[in-house]
């Protein structure tokens, strides 16, 4: 099996399947090549299954329609219309204040919160199910209390959205397809 090997001071061994189906192995400095090959052999079925999934996903991206500038403008309007009332409602329910709210076209984030309390939301959220949008709003407003992703942060998110893991999972599984619609 072909793979790229990265050795470092890490203590654990990991295998990653890249979007193009190639295999990246990360291993401790002192782990022998024989030990690496033995571990890879034990994970062969998992590797092959995940390579198939990645290649299938990559082929689906080739057929995704890209959004036009006009469609992106409309999405921003739609996102504002949906998200602003949610931010107002949840900030009141959660007892937090925020600064300005902006809508952007981003390839890596669904939302962000600055130290000043300014909130940014990806306009692609307008293409997501409403509970997923609510989750992102609660997530960003929770940063008004905890500017990190600590256990306390996630407890706060869960307090206001008990099923947040389901919505977070939806974004992880489907978000990449939405982002690929950007030019």
Protein backbone atom coordinates (compact mmCIF):
# COMPACT_ATOMS: atom_id res chain seq x y z
CA UNK A 1 0.00 0.00 0.00
CA UNK A 2 1.35 3.43 -0.95
CA UNK A 3 1.29 6.12 1.70
CA UNK A 4 2.99 9.31 2.78
CA UNK A 5 4.69 9.07 6.16
CA UNK A 6 5.20 11.95 8.57
CA UNK A 7 7.23 11.20 11.68
CA UNK A 8 7.17 13.52 14.66
CA UNK A 9 7.46 13.61 18.45
CA UNK A 10 3.84 12.48 18.68
CA UNK A 11 2.94 9.47 20.84
CA UNK A 12 0.22 8.02 18.66
CA UNK A 13 -0.17 6.53 15.20
CA UNK A 14 -2.85 7.88 12.85
CA UNK A 15 -4.08 7.28 9.32
CA UNK A 16 -5.83 9.92 7.25
CA UNK A 17 -7.48 9.48 3.87
CA UNK A 18 -7.15 12.66 1.82
CA UNK A 19 -9.86 13.91 -0.55
CA UNK A 20 -7.91 12.52 -3.53
CA UNK A 21 -7.84 9.05 -1.88
CA UNK A 22 -4.16 9.13 -0.95
CA UNK A 23 -3.11 7.85 2.47
CA UNK A 24 -1.26 9.97 5.04
CA UNK A 25 0.30 8.19 8.00
CA UNK A 26 1.52 10.04 11.09
CA UNK A 27 3.77 8.08 13.41
CA UNK A 28 6.11 8.57 16.36
CA UNK A 29 9.78 9.10 15.51
CA UNK A 30 10.91 5.76 16.93
CA UNK A 31 8.14 3.54 15.48
CA UNK A 32 9.69 1.01 13.10
CA UNK A 33 8.65 0.68 9.46
CA UNK A 34 7.62 -2.92 10.21
CA UNK A 35 5.33 -1.77 13.04
CA UNK A 36 3.80 0.90 10.78
CA UNK A 37 3.19 -1.62 7.99
CA UNK A 38 1.63 -4.08 10.46
CA UNK A 39 -0.76 -1.42 11.78
CA UNK A 40 -1.66 -0.37 8.23
CA UNK A 41 -2.33 -3.99 7.32
CA UNK A 42 -4.73 -4.30 10.27
CA UNK A 43 -6.57 -1.17 9.04
CA UNK A 44 -6.61 -2.17 5.37
CA UNK A 45 -10.37 -2.72 5.12
CA UNK A 46 -11.09 0.65 6.80
CA UNK A 47 -8.60 2.39 4.49
CA UNK A 48 -10.10 0.89 1.32
CA UNK A 49 -13.67 1.72 2.38
CA UNK A 50 -12.75 5.30 3.18
CA UNK A 51 -10.77 5.72 -0.04
CA UNK A 52 -13.91 4.67 -1.95
CA UNK A 53 -16.02 7.17 -0.01
CA UNK A 54 -13.56 10.00 -0.64
CA UNK A 55 -13.30 9.28 -4.36
CA UNK A 56 -17.10 9.04 -4.66
CA UNK A 57 -17.45 12.37 -2.86
CA UNK A 58 -14.81 13.95 -5.11
CA UNK A 59 -16.64 12.80 -8.24
CA UNK A 60 -19.90 14.30 -6.93
CA UNK A 61 -18.17 17.68 -6.52
CA UNK A 62 -17.47 17.74 -10.26
CA UNK A 63 -21.20 17.93 -10.99
CA UNK A 64 -22.15 20.58 -8.41
CA UNK A 65 -23.61 23.76 -9.91
CA UNK A 66 -21.63 26.84 -8.91
CA UNK A 67 -23.55 29.80 -7.51
CA UNK A 68 -23.64 32.96 -9.63
CA UNK A 69 -22.95 36.44 -8.20
CA UNK A 70 -26.67 37.18 -8.41
CA UNK A 71 -27.53 33.99 -6.51
CA UNK A 72 -24.97 34.89 -3.82
CA UNK A 73 -26.54 38.36 -3.41
CA UNK A 74 -29.95 36.74 -2.98
CA UNK A 75 -28.52 34.26 -0.46
CA UNK A 76 -27.09 37.13 1.61
CA UNK A 77 -30.51 38.79 1.68
CA UNK A 78 -32.18 35.52 2.63
CA UNK A 79 -29.56 34.81 5.33
CA UNK A 80 -30.10 38.25 6.88
CA UNK A 81 -33.85 37.77 6.89
CA UNK A 82 -33.55 34.37 8.62
CA UNK A 83 -30.57 34.90 10.94
CA UNK A 84 -31.04 38.44 12.34
CA UNK A 85 -34.31 37.57 14.16
CA UNK A 86 -32.69 34.38 15.51
CA UNK A 87 -29.71 36.36 16.83
CA UNK A 88 -32.07 38.84 18.53
CA UNK A 89 -34.22 36.09 20.05
CA UNK A 90 -31.39 33.87 21.25
CA UNK A 91 -29.30 36.75 22.62
CA UNK A 92 -32.25 37.71 24.79
CA UNK A 93 -32.93 34.11 25.87
CA UNK A 94 -29.24 33.50 26.61
CA UNK A 95 -28.72 36.87 28.30
CA UNK A 96 -25.82 37.97 26.09
CA UNK A 97 -25.16 41.09 24.08
CA UNK A 98 -23.47 41.38 20.71
CA UNK A 99 -22.10 44.05 18.39
CA UNK A 100 -22.67 44.23 14.68
CA UNK A 101 -23.80 41.30 12.54
CA UNK A 102 -22.27 40.73 9.10
CA UNK A 103 -22.92 38.21 6.35
CA UNK A 104 -20.08 36.90 4.24
CA UNK A 105 -19.30 34.28 1.64
CA UNK A 106 -16.73 32.09 3.37
CA UNK A 107 -15.06 28.85 2.35
CA UNK A 108 -13.92 27.74 5.81
CA UNK A 109 -16.35 29.02 8.46
CA UNK A 110 -20.06 29.00 9.14
CA UNK A 111 -19.80 31.77 11.68
CA UNK A 112 -17.45 33.65 13.96
CA UNK A 113 -17.52 35.94 16.97
CA UNK A 114 -14.90 38.60 17.66
CA UNK A 115 -13.73 39.66 21.11
CA UNK A 116 -15.74 42.87 20.58
CA UNK A 117 -18.88 40.77 20.15
CA UNK A 118 -19.25 41.24 16.40
CA UNK A 119 -20.84 38.26 14.71
CA UNK A 120 -20.18 37.01 11.18
CA UNK A 121 -22.32 34.42 9.43
CA UNK A 122 -21.73 32.58 6.19
CA UNK A 123 -24.49 33.40 3.69
CA UNK A 124 -24.49 29.72 2.65
CA UNK A 125 -26.34 29.05 5.90
CA UNK A 126 -29.45 30.13 4.02
CA UNK A 127 -29.19 26.79 2.18
CA UNK A 128 -29.17 24.79 5.43
CA UNK A 129 -32.12 23.38 7.39
CA UNK A 130 -33.50 25.85 9.93
CA UNK A 131 -32.36 23.83 13.01
CA UNK A 132 -28.78 23.90 11.67
CA UNK A 133 -28.97 27.69 11.31
CA UNK A 134 -30.25 27.93 14.91
CA UNK A 135 -27.30 25.80 16.05
CA UNK A 136 -24.76 28.13 14.39
CA UNK A 137 -26.46 31.17 15.98
CA UNK A 138 -26.39 29.56 19.45
CA UNK A 139 -22.78 28.46 18.88
CA UNK A 140 -21.63 32.00 18.03
CA UNK A 141 -23.61 33.64 20.83
CA UNK A 142 -22.13 31.13 23.28
CA UNK A 143 -18.75 32.63 22.41
CA UNK A 144 -19.99 35.83 24.10
CA UNK A 145 -19.59 33.88 27.36
CA UNK A 146 -16.71 31.55 26.47
CA UNK A 147 -14.27 32.65 23.74
CA UNK A 148 -13.06 29.07 23.26
CA UNK A 149 -14.37 25.56 22.70
CA UNK A 150 -13.96 24.36 26.28
CA UNK A 151 -16.28 21.92 28.05
CA UNK A 152 -18.04 24.91 29.61
CA UNK A 153 -18.64 26.34 26.14
CA UNK A 154 -20.19 23.10 24.86
CA UNK A 155 -22.33 22.80 28.01
CA UNK A 156 -23.68 26.27 27.33
CA UNK A 157 -24.45 25.38 23.70
CA UNK A 158 -26.19 22.22 24.91
CA UNK A 159 -28.21 24.16 27.50
CA UNK A 160 -29.87 26.17 24.74
CA UNK A 161 -29.77 23.48 22.04
CA UNK A 162 -29.82 19.97 23.56
CA UNK A 163 -29.63 18.31 20.12
CA UNK A 164 -26.74 20.47 18.84
CA UNK A 165 -24.60 17.40 18.03
CA UNK A 166 -27.11 16.32 15.39
CA UNK A 167 -26.92 19.75 13.68
CA UNK A 168 -23.15 19.91 13.97
CA UNK A 169 -22.97 16.48 12.33
CA UNK A 170 -25.24 17.68 9.50
CA UNK A 171 -22.81 20.54 8.79
CA UNK A 172 -19.82 18.20 8.81
CA UNK A 173 -21.54 15.78 6.43
CA UNK A 174 -23.16 18.31 4.07
CA UNK A 175 -21.32 21.58 4.50
CA UNK A 176 -18.53 20.64 2.13
CA UNK A 177 -21.06 20.24 -0.71
CA UNK A 178 -22.45 23.72 -0.03
CA UNK A 179 -18.99 25.31 0.07
CA UNK A 180 -18.06 23.60 -3.22
CA UNK A 181 -20.87 25.61 -4.83
CA UNK A 182 -18.71 28.73 -4.48
CA UNK A 183 -16.58 29.65 -7.49
